[in-house]
Amino acid sequence: MGKLNARKAAALAKDEPHKTADGNGLYSKRVYTKEIRSVIGKLKIDQVTVLDVREVIRRIVDSNRPTIANDTLMYI
């Protein structure tokens, strides 16, 4: 992993998770677990392609959840 990717990963690790309606702050984890992990969870950061990201978003949009698709795109 290059220096830039390492810095991005470190910055993301420090990022506070968004609060959910009940205030427990696990929204970003839920989005990753439910939407992202099944498609690209086993790939290294430098292996993820635009097509992989599009597949994640397509699956969510196909399930008629455009708001979740937009939120997921923010976390990718």
C-alpha atoms as a PDB file:
ATOM      1  CA  MET A   1       0.000   0.000   0.000  1.00  0.00           C
ATOM      2  CA  GLY A   2       1.420   3.389  -0.969  1.00  0.00           C
ATOM      3  CA  LYS A   3       1.942   6.267   1.442  1.00  0.00           C
ATOM      4  CA  LEU A   4      -1.146   8.084   0.178  1.00  0.00           C
ATOM      5  CA  ASN A   5      -3.397   5.045   0.698  1.00  0.00           C
ATOM      6  CA  ALA A   6      -1.904   4.467   4.145  1.00  0.00           C
ATOM      7  CA  ARG A   7      -2.642   8.090   5.113  1.00  0.00           C
ATOM      8  CA  LYS A   8      -6.202   7.813   3.792  1.00  0.00           C
ATOM      9  CA  ALA A   9      -6.753   4.584   5.719  1.00  0.00           C
ATOM     10  CA  ALA A  10      -5.396   6.170   8.905  1.00  0.00           C
ATOM     11  CA  ALA A  11      -7.626   9.216   8.444  1.00  0.00           C
ATOM     12  CA  LEU A  12     -10.684   7.034   7.899  1.00  0.00           C
ATOM     13  CA  ALA A  13      -9.869   4.968  10.968  1.00  0.00           C
ATOM     14  CA  LYS A  14      -9.964   8.140  13.082  1.00  0.00           C
ATOM     15  CA  ASP A  15     -13.268   9.262  11.546  1.00  0.00           C
ATOM     16  CA  GLU A  16     -16.095   9.088  14.049  1.00  0.00           C
ATOM     17  CA  PRO A  17     -19.018   6.913  12.951  1.00  0.00           C
ATOM     18  CA  HIS A  18     -22.245   8.754  12.185  1.00  0.00           C
ATOM     19  CA  LYS A  19     -24.907   8.637  14.835  1.00  0.00           C
ATOM     20  CA  THR A  20     -27.992   6.564  14.178  1.00  0.00           C
ATOM     21  CA  ALA A  21     -31.468   7.573  15.270  1.00  0.00           C
ATOM     22  CA  ASP A  22     -30.911   5.849  18.600  1.00  0.00           C
ATOM     23  CA  GLY A  23     -27.574   7.657  19.022  1.00  0.00           C
ATOM     24  CA  ASN A  24     -25.339   4.591  19.174  1.00  0.00           C
ATOM     25  CA  GLY A  25     -23.042   5.683  16.314  1.00  0.00           C
ATOM     26  CA  LEU A  26     -22.973   2.424  14.381  1.00  0.00           C
ATOM     27  CA  TYR A  27     -24.471   3.596  11.077  1.00  0.00           C
ATOM     28  CA  SER A  28     -21.188   3.456   9.134  1.00  0.00           C
ATOM     29  CA  LYS A  29     -20.484  -0.045  10.466  1.00  0.00           C
ATOM     30  CA  ARG A  30     -23.974  -1.200   9.469  1.00  0.00           C
ATOM     31  CA  VAL A  31     -23.542   0.194   5.951  1.00  0.00           C
ATOM     32  CA  TYR A  32     -20.219  -1.607   5.591  1.00  0.00           C
ATOM     33  CA  THR A  33     -21.496  -4.878   7.037  1.00  0.00           C
ATOM     34  CA  LYS A  34     -24.774  -4.967   5.159  1.00  0.00           C
ATOM     35  CA  GLU A  35     -23.918  -3.324   1.831  1.00  0.00           C
ATOM     36  CA  ILE A  36     -20.180  -3.247   1.111  1.00  0.00           C
ATOM     37  CA  ARG A  37     -18.581  -6.310   2.701  1.00  0.00           C
ATOM     38  CA  SER A  38     -20.410  -8.873   0.567  1.00  0.00           C
ATOM     39  CA  VAL A  39     -19.064  -7.362  -2.663  1.00  0.00           C
ATOM     40  CA  ILE A  40     -15.603  -5.976  -1.878  1.00  0.00           C
ATOM     41  CA  GLY A  41     -14.902  -6.976   1.720  1.00  0.00           C
ATOM     42  CA  LYS A  42     -12.173  -9.481   0.861  1.00  0.00           C
ATOM     43  CA  LEU A  43     -10.327  -7.207  -1.580  1.00  0.00           C
ATOM     44  CA  LYS A  44      -7.295  -5.129  -0.668  1.00  0.00           C
ATOM     45  CA  ILE A  45      -7.797  -1.385  -1.048  1.00  0.00           C
ATOM     46  CA  ASP A  46      -5.621  -1.210  -4.149  1.00  0.00           C
ATOM     47  CA  GLN A  47      -7.598  -4.059  -5.757  1.00  0.00           C
ATOM     48  CA  VAL A  48     -10.980  -2.311  -5.605  1.00  0.00           C
ATOM     49  CA  THR A  49     -12.009  -1.006  -9.025  1.00  0.00           C
ATOM     50  CA  VAL A  50     -14.641   1.407 -10.245  1.00  0.00           C
ATOM     51  CA  LEU A  51     -16.649  -1.592 -11.436  1.00  0.00           C
ATOM     52  CA  ASP A  52     -16.625  -3.025  -7.903  1.00  0.00           C
ATOM     53  CA  VAL A  53     -17.964   0.231  -6.478  1.00  0.00           C
ATOM     54  CA  ARG A  54     -20.619   0.384  -9.192  1.00  0.00           C
ATOM     55  CA  GLU A  55     -21.686  -3.168  -8.346  1.00  0.00           C
ATOM     56  CA  VAL A  56     -22.148  -2.269  -4.680  1.00  0.00           C
ATOM     57  CA  ILE A  57     -24.258   0.768  -5.598  1.00  0.00           C
ATOM     58  CA  ARG A  58     -26.213  -1.100  -8.311  1.00  0.00           C
ATOM     59  CA  ARG A  59     -27.284  -3.801  -5.863  1.00  0.00           C
ATOM     60  CA  ILE A  60     -28.604  -1.212  -3.436  1.00  0.00           C
ATOM     61  CA  VAL A  61     -30.394   0.815  -6.125  1.00  0.00           C
ATOM     62  CA  ASP A  62     -31.930  -2.376  -7.541  1.00  0.00           C
ATOM     63  CA  SER A  63     -33.414  -3.013  -4.106  1.00  0.00           C
ATOM     64  CA  ASN A  64     -35.116   0.399  -4.323  1.00  0.00           C
ATOM     65  CA  ARG A  65     -33.039   2.119  -1.613  1.00  0.00           C
ATOM     66  CA  PRO A  66     -31.530   5.233  -3.250  1.00  0.00           C
ATOM     67  CA  THR A  67     -30.816   7.003   0.040  1.00  0.00           C
ATOM     68  CA  ILE A  68     -28.815   4.038   1.322  1.00  0.00           C
ATOM     69  CA  ALA A  69     -26.989   3.912  -2.032  1.00  0.00           C
ATOM     70  CA  ASN A  70     -25.978   7.542  -1.593  1.00  0.00           C
ATOM     71  CA  ASP A  71     -24.844   6.959   1.996  1.00  0.00           C
ATOM     72  CA  THR A  72     -22.871   3.881   0.940  1.00  0.00           C
ATOM     73  CA  LEU A  73     -21.110   5.815  -1.797  1.00  0.00           C
ATOM     74  CA  MET A  74     -19.955   8.278   0.859  1.00  0.00           C
ATOM     75  CA  TYR A  75     -18.290   5.462   2.824  1.00  0.00           C
ATOM     76  CA  ILE A  76     -16.542   3.838  -0.133  1.00  0.00           C
END
